[in-house]
Amino acid sequence: VNRLEWMWRTYGFTNDDAVLQKTTFTFDVSVWEIFLPLCWGCRLVL
């Protein structure tokens, strides 16, 4: 949660944004790709 909150604030995300989720879920980059849109509220493109 600390990492995702930092990212949302630092990179100026809004609810109108869209994240392209392309990292395999066995690699931890997928954690922010998946849960930042789902929990903070923007579009997730799989």
All heavy atoms as atom14 arrays in JSON, in Angstrom:
{
  "sequence": "VNRLEWMWRTYGFTNDDAVLQKTTFTFDVSVWEIFLPLCWGCRLVL",
  "atom14_mask": [
    [1, 1, 1, 1, 1, 1, 1, 0, 0, 0, 0, 0, 0, 0],
    [1, 1, 1, 1, 1, 1, 1, 1, 0, 0, 0, 0, 0, 0],
    [1, 1, 1, 1, 1, 1, 1, 1, 1, 1, 1, 0, 0, 0],
    [1, 1, 1, 1, 1, 1, 1, 1, 0, 0, 0, 0, 0, 0],
    [1, 1, 1, 1, 1, 1, 1, 1, 1, 0, 0, 0, 0, 0],
    [1, 1, 1, 1, 1, 1, 1, 1, 1, 1, 1, 1, 1, 1],
    [1, 1, 1, 1, 1, 1, 1, 1, 0, 0, 0, 0, 0, 0],
    [1, 1, 1, 1, 1, 1, 1, 1, 1, 1, 1, 1, 1, 1],
    [1, 1, 1, 1, 1, 1, 1, 1, 1, 1, 1, 0, 0, 0],
    [1, 1, 1, 1, 1, 1, 1, 0, 0, 0, 0, 0, 0, 0],
    [1, 1, 1, 1, 1, 1, 1, 1, 1, 1, 1, 1, 0, 0],
    [1, 1, 1, 1, 0, 0, 0, 0, 0, 0, 0, 0, 0, 0],
    [1, 1, 1, 1, 1, 1, 1, 1, 1, 1, 1, 0, 0, 0],
    [1, 1, 1, 1, 1, 1, 1, 0, 0, 0, 0, 0, 0, 0],
    [1, 1, 1, 1, 1, 1, 1, 1, 0, 0, 0, 0, 0, 0],
    [1, 1, 1, 1, 1, 1, 1, 1, 0, 0, 0, 0, 0, 0],
    [1, 1, 1, 1, 1, 1, 1, 1, 0, 0, 0, 0, 0, 0],
    [1, 1, 1, 1, 1, 0, 0, 0, 0, 0, 0, 0, 0, 0],
    [1, 1, 1, 1, 1, 1, 1, 0, 0, 0, 0, 0, 0, 0],
    [1, 1, 1, 1, 1, 1, 1, 1, 0, 0, 0, 0, 0, 0],
    [1, 1, 1, 1, 1, 1, 1, 1, 1, 0, 0, 0, 0, 0],
    [1, 1, 1, 1, 1, 1, 1, 1, 1, 0, 0, 0, 0, 0],
    [1, 1, 1, 1, 1, 1, 1, 0, 0, 0, 0, 0, 0, 0],
    [1, 1, 1, 1, 1, 1, 1, 0, 0, 0, 0, 0, 0, 0],
    [1, 1, 1, 1, 1, 1, 1, 1, 1, 1, 1, 0, 0, 0],
    [1, 1, 1, 1, 1, 1, 1, 0, 0, 0, 0, 0, 0, 0],
    [1, 1, 1, 1, 1, 1, 1, 1, 1, 1, 1, 0, 0, 0],
    [1, 1, 1, 1, 1, 1, 1, 1, 0, 0, 0, 0, 0, 0],
    [1, 1, 1, 1, 1, 1, 1, 0, 0, 0, 0, 0, 0, 0],
    [1, 1, 1, 1, 1, 1, 0, 0, 0, 0, 0, 0, 0, 0],
    [1, 1, 1, 1, 1, 1, 1, 0, 0, 0, 0, 0, 0, 0],
    [1, 1, 1, 1, 1, 1, 1, 1, 1, 1, 1, 1, 1, 1],
    [1, 1, 1, 1, 1, 1, 1, 1, 1, 0, 0, 0, 0, 0],
    [1, 1, 1, 1, 1, 1, 1, 1, 0, 0, 0, 0, 0, 0],
    [1, 1, 1, 1, 1, 1, 1, 1, 1, 1, 1, 0, 0, 0],
    [1, 1, 1, 1, 1, 1, 1, 1, 0, 0, 0, 0, 0, 0],
    [1, 1, 1, 1, 1, 1, 1, 0, 0, 0, 0, 0, 0, 0],
    [1, 1, 1, 1, 1, 1, 1, 1, 0, 0, 0, 0, 0, 0],
    [1, 1, 1, 1, 1, 1, 0, 0, 0, 0, 0, 0, 0, 0],
    [1, 1, 1, 1, 1, 1, 1, 1, 1, 1, 1, 1, 1, 1],
    [1, 1, 1, 1, 0, 0, 0, 0, 0, 0, 0, 0, 0, 0],
    [1, 1, 1, 1, 1, 1, 0, 0, 0, 0, 0, 0, 0, 0],
    [1, 1, 1, 1, 1, 1, 1, 1, 1, 1, 1, 0, 0, 0],
    [1, 1, 1, 1, 1, 1, 1, 1, 0, 0, 0, 0, 0, 0],
    [1, 1, 1, 1, 1, 1, 1, 0, 0, 0, 0, 0, 0, 0],
    [1, 1, 1, 1, 1, 1, 1, 1, 0, 0, 0, 0, 0, 0]
  ],
  "atom14_positions": [
    [[0.84, -1.21, 0.0], [0.0, 0.0, 0.0], [0.87, 1.26, 0.0], [0.58, 2.23, -0.7], [-0.96, 0.0, 1.21], [-1.65, 1.34, 1.37], [-1.99, -1.11, 1.06], [0.0, 0.0, 0.0], [0.0, 0.0, 0.0], [0.0, 0.0, 0.0], [0.0, 0.0, 0.0], [0.0, 0.0, 0.0], [0.0, 0.0, 0.0], [0.0, 0.0, 0.0]],
    [[1.96, 1.24, 0.78], [2.87, 2.39, 0.79], [3.42, 2.65, -0.59], [3.46, 3.8, -1.06], [4.03, 2.12, 1.76], [4.98, 3.3, 1.85], [4.72, 4.27, 2.54], [6.1, 3.22, 1.13], [0.0, 0.0, 0.0], [0.0, 0.0, 0.0], [0.0, 0.0, 0.0], [0.0, 0.0, 0.0], [0.0, 0.0, 0.0], [0.0, 0.0, 0.0]],
    [[3.84, 1.59, -1.27], [4.43, 1.74, -2.61], [3.4, 2.25, -3.62], [3.7, 3.13, -4.44], [4.99, 0.38, -3.04], [5.35, 0.23, -4.5], [6.42, 1.21, -4.96], [6.81, 0.93, -6.32], [6.08, 1.2, -7.38], [4.9, 1.79, -7.23], [6.52, 0.91, -8.6], [0.0, 0.0, 0.0], [0.0, 0.0, 0.0], [0.0, 0.0, 0.0]],
    [[2.17, 1.73, -3.57], [1.15, 2.15, -4.53], [0.7, 3.58, -4.28], [0.48, 4.35, -5.22], [-0.05, 1.2, -4.48], [0.22, -0.26, -4.84], [-1.07, -1.06, -4.88], [0.96, -0.39, -6.17], [0.0, 0.0, 0.0], [0.0, 0.0, 0.0], [0.0, 0.0, 0.0], [0.0, 0.0, 0.0], [0.0, 0.0, 0.0], [0.0, 0.0, 0.0]],
    [[0.57, 3.95, -3.0], [0.17, 5.33, -2.67], [1.23, 6.31, -3.17], [0.91, 7.37, -3.73], [-0.02, 5.46, -1.16], [-0.17, 6.89, -0.66], [-1.38, 7.59, -1.23], [-2.37, 6.91, -1.59], [-1.33, 8.84, -1.35], [0.0, 0.0, 0.0], [0.0, 0.0, 0.0], [0.0, 0.0, 0.0], [0.0, 0.0, 0.0], [0.0, 0.0, 0.0]],
    [[2.51, 5.97, -2.96], [3.6, 6.82, -3.46], [3.52, 6.97, -4.97], [3.67, 8.07, -5.51], [4.95, 6.21, -3.06], [6.1, 6.84, -3.78], [6.77, 7.98, -3.41], [6.69, 6.41, -5.01], [7.74, 8.27, -4.35], [7.71, 7.33, -5.33], [6.45, 5.33, -5.87], [8.49, 7.19, -6.48], [7.23, 5.2, -7.0], [8.23, 6.12, -7.3]],
    [[3.27, 5.88, -5.67], [3.24, 5.91, -7.13], [2.07, 6.76, -7.65], [2.24, 7.56, -8.57], [3.15, 4.49, -7.68], [3.35, 4.41, -9.18], [3.44, 2.7, -9.73], [4.24, 2.93, -11.32], [0.0, 0.0, 0.0], [0.0, 0.0, 0.0], [0.0, 0.0, 0.0], [0.0, 0.0, 0.0], [0.0, 0.0, 0.0], [0.0, 0.0, 0.0]],
    [[0.89, 6.56, -7.06], [-0.29, 7.31, -7.5], [-0.04, 8.82, -7.37], [-0.35, 9.6, -8.26], [-1.5, 6.88, -6.67], [-2.79, 7.57, -7.05], [-3.25, 8.75, -6.57], [-3.76, 7.11, -7.99], [-4.45, 9.06, -7.15], [-4.8, 8.07, -8.02], [-3.87, 5.98, -8.8], [-5.92, 7.94, -8.83], [-5.0, 5.85, -9.61], [-6.0, 6.81, -9.62]],
    [[0.54, 9.2, -6.24], [0.78, 10.62, -5.97], [1.93, 11.17, -6.81], [1.82, 12.26, -7.4], [1.07, 10.77, -4.47], [1.41, 12.17, -4.01], [1.41, 12.25, -2.47], [1.77, 11.0, -1.82], [3.02, 10.63, -1.58], [4.03, 11.4, -1.98], [3.27, 9.49, -0.96], [0.0, 0.0, 0.0], [0.0, 0.0, 0.0], [0.0, 0.0, 0.0]],
    [[3.03, 10.43, -6.9], [4.23, 10.92, -7.57], [4.02, 11.1, -9.07], [4.49, 12.08, -9.67], [5.4, 9.96, -7.33], [5.64, 9.87, -5.93], [6.67, 10.44, -8.03], [0.0, 0.0, 0.0], [0.0, 0.0, 0.0], [0.0, 0.0, 0.0], [0.0, 0.0, 0.0], [0.0, 0.0, 0.0], [0.0, 0.0, 0.0], [0.0, 0.0, 0.0]],
    [[3.31, 10.17, -9.69], [3.13, 10.22, -11.14], [1.8, 10.83, -11.57], [1.43, 10.76, -12.74], [3.31, 8.82, -11.73], [4.71, 8.29, -11.52], [4.93, 7.04, -10.95], [5.83, 9.06, -11.85], [6.21, 6.56, -10.72], [7.1, 8.59, -11.64], [7.3, 7.35, -11.08], [8.57, 6.89, -10.86], [0.0, 0.0, 0.0], [0.0, 0.0, 0.0]],
    [[1.1, 11.45, -10.64], [-0.08, 12.23, -10.97], [-1.2, 11.45, -11.61], [-1.86, 11.95, -12.53], [0.0, 0.0, 0.0], [0.0, 0.0, 0.0], [0.0, 0.0, 0.0], [0.0, 0.0, 0.0], [0.0, 0.0, 0.0], [0.0, 0.0, 0.0], [0.0, 0.0, 0.0], [0.0, 0.0, 0.0], [0.0, 0.0, 0.0], [0.0, 0.0, 0.0]],
    [[-1.46, 10.23, -11.13], [-2.56, 9.44, -11.68], [-3.89, 10.12, -11.41], [-4.07, 10.82, -10.4], [-2.58, 8.05, -11.04], [-1.63, 7.05, -11.63], [-0.32, 6.97, -11.19], [-2.04, 6.2, -12.64], [0.55, 6.05, -11.72], [-1.17, 5.27, -13.19], [0.13, 5.19, -12.72], [0.0, 0.0, 0.0], [0.0, 0.0, 0.0], [0.0, 0.0, 0.0]],
    [[-4.85, 9.89, -12.3], [-6.24, 10.3, -12.1], [-7.14, 9.11, -12.43], [-6.69, 8.11, -12.98], [-6.64, 11.48, -12.99], [-6.74, 11.03, -14.36], [-5.6, 12.61, -12.91], [0.0, 0.0, 0.0], [0.0, 0.0, 0.0], [0.0, 0.0, 0.0], [0.0, 0.0, 0.0], [0.0, 0.0, 0.0], [0.0, 0.0, 0.0], [0.0, 0.0, 0.0]],
    [[-8.43, 9.26, -12.12], [-9.38, 8.18, -12.42], [-9.59, 7.99, -13.91], [-10.17, 6.99, -14.34], [-10.72, 8.46, -11.73], [-10.6, 8.49, -10.22], [-11.14, 9.38, -9.58], [-9.87, 7.55, -9.65], [0.0, 0.0, 0.0], [0.0, 0.0, 0.0], [0.0, 0.0, 0.0], [0.0, 0.0, 0.0], [0.0, 0.0, 0.0], [0.0, 0.0, 0.0]],
    [[-9.13, 8.93, -14.73], [-9.28, 8.82, -16.18], [-8.12, 8.1, -16.85], [-8.14, 7.89, -18.06], [-9.43, 10.22, -16.8], [-10.68, 10.95, -16.33], [-11.71, 10.27, -16.14], [-10.6, 12.17, -16.14], [0.0, 0.0, 0.0], [0.0, 0.0, 0.0], [0.0, 0.0, 0.0], [0.0, 0.0, 0.0], [0.0, 0.0, 0.0], [0.0, 0.0, 0.0]],
    [[-7.11, 7.74, -16.09], [-5.91, 7.12, -16.66], [-6.13, 5.64, -16.95], [-7.08, 5.02, -16.47], [-4.72, 7.32, -15.73], [-4.21, 8.75, -15.75], [-4.31, 9.39, -16.8], [-3.72, 9.22, -14.7], [0.0, 0.0, 0.0], [0.0, 0.0, 0.0], [0.0, 0.0, 0.0], [0.0, 0.0, 0.0], [0.0, 0.0, 0.0], [0.0, 0.0, 0.0]],
    [[-5.19, 5.07, -17.72], [-5.25, 3.65, -18.09], [-3.85, 3.05, -18.01], [-2.89, 3.6, -18.56], [-5.81, 3.49, -19.5], [0.0, 0.0, 0.0], [0.0, 0.0, 0.0], [0.0, 0.0, 0.0], [0.0, 0.0, 0.0], [0.0, 0.0, 0.0], [0.0, 0.0, 0.0], [0.0, 0.0, 0.0], [0.0, 0.0, 0.0], [0.0, 0.0, 0.0]],
    [[-3.74, 1.91, -17.31], [-2.48, 1.19, -17.16], [-2.5, -0.05, -18.04], [-3.47, -0.82, -18.01], [-2.27, 0.78, -15.69], [-1.04, -0.11, -15.55], [-2.14, 2.01, -14.8], [0.0, 0.0, 0.0], [0.0, 0.0, 0.0], [0.0, 0.0, 0.0], [0.0, 0.0, 0.0], [0.0, 0.0, 0.0], [0.0, 0.0, 0.0], [0.0, 0.0, 0.0]],
    [[-1.45, -0.24, -18.82], [-1.34, -1.46, -19.63], [-0.66, -2.53, -18.78], [0.5, -2.39, -18.39], [-0.53, -1.2, -20.9], [-0.46, -2.38, -21.87], [-1.84, -2.74, -22.39], [0.47, -2.07, -23.04], [0.0, 0.0, 0.0], [0.0, 0.0, 0.0], [0.0, 0.0, 0.0], [0.0, 0.0, 0.0], [0.0, 0.0, 0.0], [0.0, 0.0, 0.0]],
    [[-1.4, -3.6, -18.47], [-0.88, -4.66, -17.63], [-0.31, -5.77, -18.51], [-1.03, -6.55, -19.11], [-2.0, -5.23, -16.75], [-1.51, -5.98, -15.52], [-0.92, -7.34, -15.81], [-1.57, -8.18, -16.42], [0.33, -7.56, -15.42], [0.0, 0.0, 0.0], [0.0, 0.0, 0.0], [0.0, 0.0, 0.0], [0.0, 0.0, 0.0], [0.0, 0.0, 0.0]],
    [[1.03, -5.81, -18.63], [1.66, -6.77, -19.52], [2.76, -7.59, -18.86], [3.4, -8.41, -19.51], [2.22, -6.06, -20.76], [3.33, -5.07, -20.49], [3.77, -4.41, -21.79], [4.98, -3.52, -21.6], [6.18, -4.28, -21.18], [0.0, 0.0, 0.0], [0.0, 0.0, 0.0], [0.0, 0.0, 0.0], [0.0, 0.0, 0.0], [0.0, 0.0, 0.0]],
    [[2.98, -7.39, -17.56], [4.03, -8.12, -16.86], [3.47, -9.42, -16.3], [2.4, -9.43, -15.7], [4.6, -7.28, -15.72], [5.02, -6.02, -16.23], [5.76, -7.98, -15.04], [0.0, 0.0, 0.0], [0.0, 0.0, 0.0], [0.0, 0.0, 0.0], [0.0, 0.0, 0.0], [0.0, 0.0, 0.0], [0.0, 0.0, 0.0], [0.0, 0.0, 0.0]],
    [[4.2, -10.52, -16.49], [3.76, -11.8, -15.93], [3.55, -11.68, -14.42], [4.3, -10.99, -13.73], [4.78, -12.92, -16.2], [4.38, -14.09, -15.5], [6.18, -12.53, -15.73], [0.0, 0.0, 0.0], [0.0, 0.0, 0.0], [0.0, 0.0, 0.0], [0.0, 0.0, 0.0], [0.0, 0.0, 0.0], [0.0, 0.0, 0.0], [0.0, 0.0, 0.0]],
    [[2.51, -12.31, -13.91], [2.16, -12.15, -12.49], [3.11, -12.86, -11.56], [2.93, -12.81, -10.33], [0.71, -12.57, -12.23], [0.38, -13.98, -12.64], [0.63, -15.03, -11.79], [-0.18, -14.24, -13.88], [0.33, -16.33, -12.16], [-0.48, -15.53, -14.26], [-0.23, -16.58, -13.4], [0.0, 0.0, 0.0], [0.0, 0.0, 0.0], [0.0, 0.0, 0.0]],
    [[4.15, -13.52, -12.07], [5.19, -14.06, -11.21], [6.33, -13.06, -11.03], [7.35, -13.37, -10.41], [5.77, -15.36, -11.8], [6.26, -15.1, -13.13], [4.7, -16.44, -11.87], [0.0, 0.0, 0.0], [0.0, 0.0, 0.0], [0.0, 0.0, 0.0], [0.0, 0.0, 0.0], [0.0, 0.0, 0.0], [0.0, 0.0, 0.0], [0.0, 0.0, 0.0]],
    [[6.17, -11.86, -11.56], [7.16, -10.79, -11.48], [6.5, -9.65, -10.73], [5.36, -9.27, -11.03], [7.57, -10.38, -12.89], [8.74, -9.44, -12.98], [9.74, -9.43, -12.02], [8.84, -8.57, -14.05], [10.82, -8.57, -12.12], [9.92, -7.7, -14.17], [10.92, -7.7, -13.2], [0.0, 0.0, 0.0], [0.0, 0.0, 0.0], [0.0, 0.0, 0.0]],
    [[7.16, -9.06, -9.71], [6.45, -8.16, -8.81], [6.0, -6.84, -9.42], [5.17, -6.14, -8.83], [7.24, -7.92, -7.52], [8.58, -7.25, -7.75], [8.94, -6.97, -8.9], [9.29, -7.0, -6.74], [0.0, 0.0, 0.0], [0.0, 0.0, 0.0], [0.0, 0.0, 0.0], [0.0, 0.0, 0.0], [0.0, 0.0, 0.0], [0.0, 0.0, 0.0]],
    [[6.51, -6.47, -10.6], [5.98, -5.28, -11.28], [4.47, -5.42, -11.52], [3.72, -4.45, -11.52], [6.72, -5.03, -12.6], [5.99, -4.02, -13.48], [8.14, -4.53, -12.32], [0.0, 0.0, 0.0], [0.0, 0.0, 0.0], [0.0, 0.0, 0.0], [0.0, 0.0, 0.0], [0.0, 0.0, 0.0], [0.0, 0.0, 0.0], [0.0, 0.0, 0.0]],
    [[4.03, -6.68, -11.72], [2.6, -6.91, -11.97], [1.74, -6.45, -10.8], [0.55, -6.14, -10.99], [2.35, -8.4, -12.23], [2.58, -9.17, -11.05], [0.0, 0.0, 0.0], [0.0, 0.0, 0.0], [0.0, 0.0, 0.0], [0.0, 0.0, 0.0], [0.0, 0.0, 0.0], [0.0, 0.0, 0.0], [0.0, 0.0, 0.0], [0.0, 0.0, 0.0]],
    [[2.31, -6.39, -9.59], [1.53, -6.0, -8.42], [0.99, -4.58, -8.57], [-0.19, -4.32, -8.33], [2.36, -6.14, -7.13], [1.57, -5.65, -5.92], [2.78, -7.6, -6.92], [0.0, 0.0, 0.0], [0.0, 0.0, 0.0], [0.0, 0.0, 0.0], [0.0, 0.0, 0.0], [0.0, 0.0, 0.0], [0.0, 0.0, 0.0], [0.0, 0.0, 0.0]],
    [[1.88, -3.64, -8.97], [1.35, -2.27, -9.14], [0.51, -2.16, -10.4], [-0.49, -1.42, -10.43], [2.47, -1.24, -9.11], [3.34, -1.07, -10.33], [4.63, -1.49, -10.48], [3.03, -0.36, -11.54], [5.13, -1.13, -11.71], [4.17, -0.42, -12.37], [1.9, 0.32, -12.0], [4.21, 0.16, -13.64], [1.94, 0.9, -13.27], [3.08, 0.82, -14.07]],
    [[0.85, -2.9, -11.46], [0.05, -2.83, -12.68], [-1.4, -3.26, -12.43], [-2.33, -2.69, -13.0], [0.66, -3.71, -13.77], [1.95, -3.2, -14.37], [2.47, -4.11, -15.46], [2.11, -5.31, -15.46], [3.24, -3.66, -16.32], [0.0, 0.0, 0.0], [0.0, 0.0, 0.0], [0.0, 0.0, 0.0], [0.0, 0.0, 0.0], [0.0, 0.0, 0.0]],
    [[-1.58, -4.26, -11.58], [-2.92, -4.81, -11.33], [-3.64, -4.03, -10.22], [-4.77, -3.58, -10.39], [-2.82, -6.3, -10.93], [-2.31, -7.13, -12.12], [-4.18, -6.82, -10.46], [-1.94, -8.56, -11.75], [0.0, 0.0, 0.0], [0.0, 0.0, 0.0], [0.0, 0.0, 0.0], [0.0, 0.0, 0.0], [0.0, 0.0, 0.0], [0.0, 0.0, 0.0]],
    [[-2.98, -3.85, -9.07], [-3.7, -3.36, -7.9], [-3.79, -1.85, -7.82], [-4.67, -1.33, -7.12], [-3.08, -3.95, -6.63], [-3.32, -5.43, -6.52], [-2.29, -6.34, -6.72], [-4.58, -5.93, -6.25], [-2.51, -7.7, -6.63], [-4.82, -7.29, -6.16], [-3.78, -8.17, -6.36], [0.0, 0.0, 0.0], [0.0, 0.0, 0.0], [0.0, 0.0, 0.0]],
    [[-2.9, -1.12, -8.49], [-3.07, 0.33, -8.49], [-4.37, 0.74, -9.2], [-5.17, 1.48, -8.63], [-1.86, 1.02, -9.13], [-1.91, 2.54, -9.03], [-0.81, 3.08, -8.13], [-1.78, 3.16, -10.4], [0.0, 0.0, 0.0], [0.0, 0.0, 0.0], [0.0, 0.0, 0.0], [0.0, 0.0, 0.0], [0.0, 0.0, 0.0], [0.0, 0.0, 0.0]],
    [[-4.66, 0.23, -10.4], [-5.95, 0.55, -11.02], [-7.14, 0.02, -10.22], [-8.14, 0.72, -10.04], [-5.87, -0.14, -12.39], [-4.43, -0.28, -12.67], [-3.78, -0.52, -11.34], [0.0, 0.0, 0.0], [0.0, 0.0, 0.0], [0.0, 0.0, 0.0], [0.0, 0.0, 0.0], [0.0, 0.0, 0.0], [0.0, 0.0, 0.0], [0.0, 0.0, 0.0]],
    [[-7.06, -1.23, -9.72], [-8.19, -1.82, -9.03], [-8.5, -1.12, -7.71], [-9.67, -0.95, -7.34], [-7.94, -3.31, -8.76], [-7.93, -4.25, -9.97], [-7.68, -5.68, -9.52], [-9.23, -4.16, -10.75], [0.0, 0.0, 0.0], [0.0, 0.0, 0.0], [0.0, 0.0, 0.0], [0.0, 0.0, 0.0], [0.0, 0.0, 0.0], [0.0, 0.0, 0.0]],
    [[-7.47, -0.72, -6.98], [-7.68, -0.16, -5.63], [-7.76, 1.36, -5.61], [-8.45, 1.92, -4.76], [-6.57, -0.63, -4.71], [-6.49, -2.42, -4.49], [0.0, 0.0, 0.0], [0.0, 0.0, 0.0], [0.0, 0.0, 0.0], [0.0, 0.0, 0.0], [0.0, 0.0, 0.0], [0.0, 0.0, 0.0], [0.0, 0.0, 0.0], [0.0, 0.0, 0.0]],
    [[-7.06, 2.04, -6.5], [-7.07, 3.51, -6.49], [-8.06, 4.08, -7.52], [-8.48, 5.19, -7.4], [-5.67, 4.05, -6.73], [-4.91, 4.26, -5.45], [-4.63, 5.46, -4.86], [-4.33, 3.27, -4.61], [-3.92, 5.26, -3.69], [-3.73, 3.93, -3.52], [-4.28, 1.88, -4.66], [-3.08, 3.25, -2.49], [-3.63, 1.2, -3.64], [-3.04, 1.87, -2.58]],
    [[-8.36, 3.3, -8.55], [-9.46, 3.7, -9.42], [-9.11, 4.31, -10.76], [-9.34, 5.48, -11.0], [0.0, 0.0, 0.0], [0.0, 0.0, 0.0], [0.0, 0.0, 0.0], [0.0, 0.0, 0.0], [0.0, 0.0, 0.0], [0.0, 0.0, 0.0], [0.0, 0.0, 0.0], [0.0, 0.0, 0.0], [0.0, 0.0, 0.0], [0.0, 0.0, 0.0]],
    [[-8.51, 3.51, -11.66], [-8.38, 3.91, -13.06], [-8.53, 2.64, -13.9], [-8.8, 1.57, -13.37], [-7.07, 4.63, -13.33], [-5.56, 3.69, -13.02], [0.0, 0.0, 0.0], [0.0, 0.0, 0.0], [0.0, 0.0, 0.0], [0.0, 0.0, 0.0], [0.0, 0.0, 0.0], [0.0, 0.0, 0.0], [0.0, 0.0, 0.0], [0.0, 0.0, 0.0]],
    [[-8.41, 2.77, -15.22], [-8.67, 1.62, -16.09], [-7.48, 0.67, -16.14], [-6.33, 1.1, -16.13], [-9.0, 2.09, -17.51], [-10.44, 2.59, -17.66], [-10.78, 2.83, -19.13], [-9.94, 3.87, -19.68], [-9.21, 3.75, -20.8], [-9.21, 2.62, -21.46], [-8.48, 4.76, -21.24], [0.0, 0.0, 0.0], [0.0, 0.0, 0.0], [0.0, 0.0, 0.0]],
    [[-7.79, -0.61, -16.22], [-6.79, -1.67, -16.33], [-6.95, -2.34, -17.7], [-8.02, -2.85, -18.01], [-6.98, -2.69, -15.21], [-6.11, -3.94, -15.2], [-4.65, -3.57, -15.0], [-6.56, -4.89, -14.09], [0.0, 0.0, 0.0], [0.0, 0.0, 0.0], [0.0, 0.0, 0.0], [0.0, 0.0, 0.0], [0.0, 0.0, 0.0], [0.0, 0.0, 0.0]],
    [[-5.9, -2.3, -18.51], [-5.93, -2.9, -19.84], [-5.04, -4.14, -19.81], [-3.83, -4.05, -19.62], [-5.42, -1.92, -20.92], [-5.49, -2.56, -22.3], [-6.22, -0.62, -20.88], [0.0, 0.0, 0.0], [0.0, 0.0, 0.0], [0.0, 0.0, 0.0], [0.0, 0.0, 0.0], [0.0, 0.0, 0.0], [0.0, 0.0, 0.0], [0.0, 0.0, 0.0]],
    [[-5.66, -5.31, -20.0], [-4.94, -6.58, -19.89], [-4.41, -7.04, -21.25], [-5.12, -6.97, -22.25], [-5.86, -7.66, -19.33], [-6.32, -7.47, -17.88], [-7.46, -8.42, -17.56], [-5.17, -7.69, -16.91], [0.0, 0.0, 0.0], [0.0, 0.0, 0.0], [0.0, 0.0, 0.0], [0.0, 0.0, 0.0], [0.0, 0.0, 0.0], [0.0, 0.0, 0.0]]
  ]
}
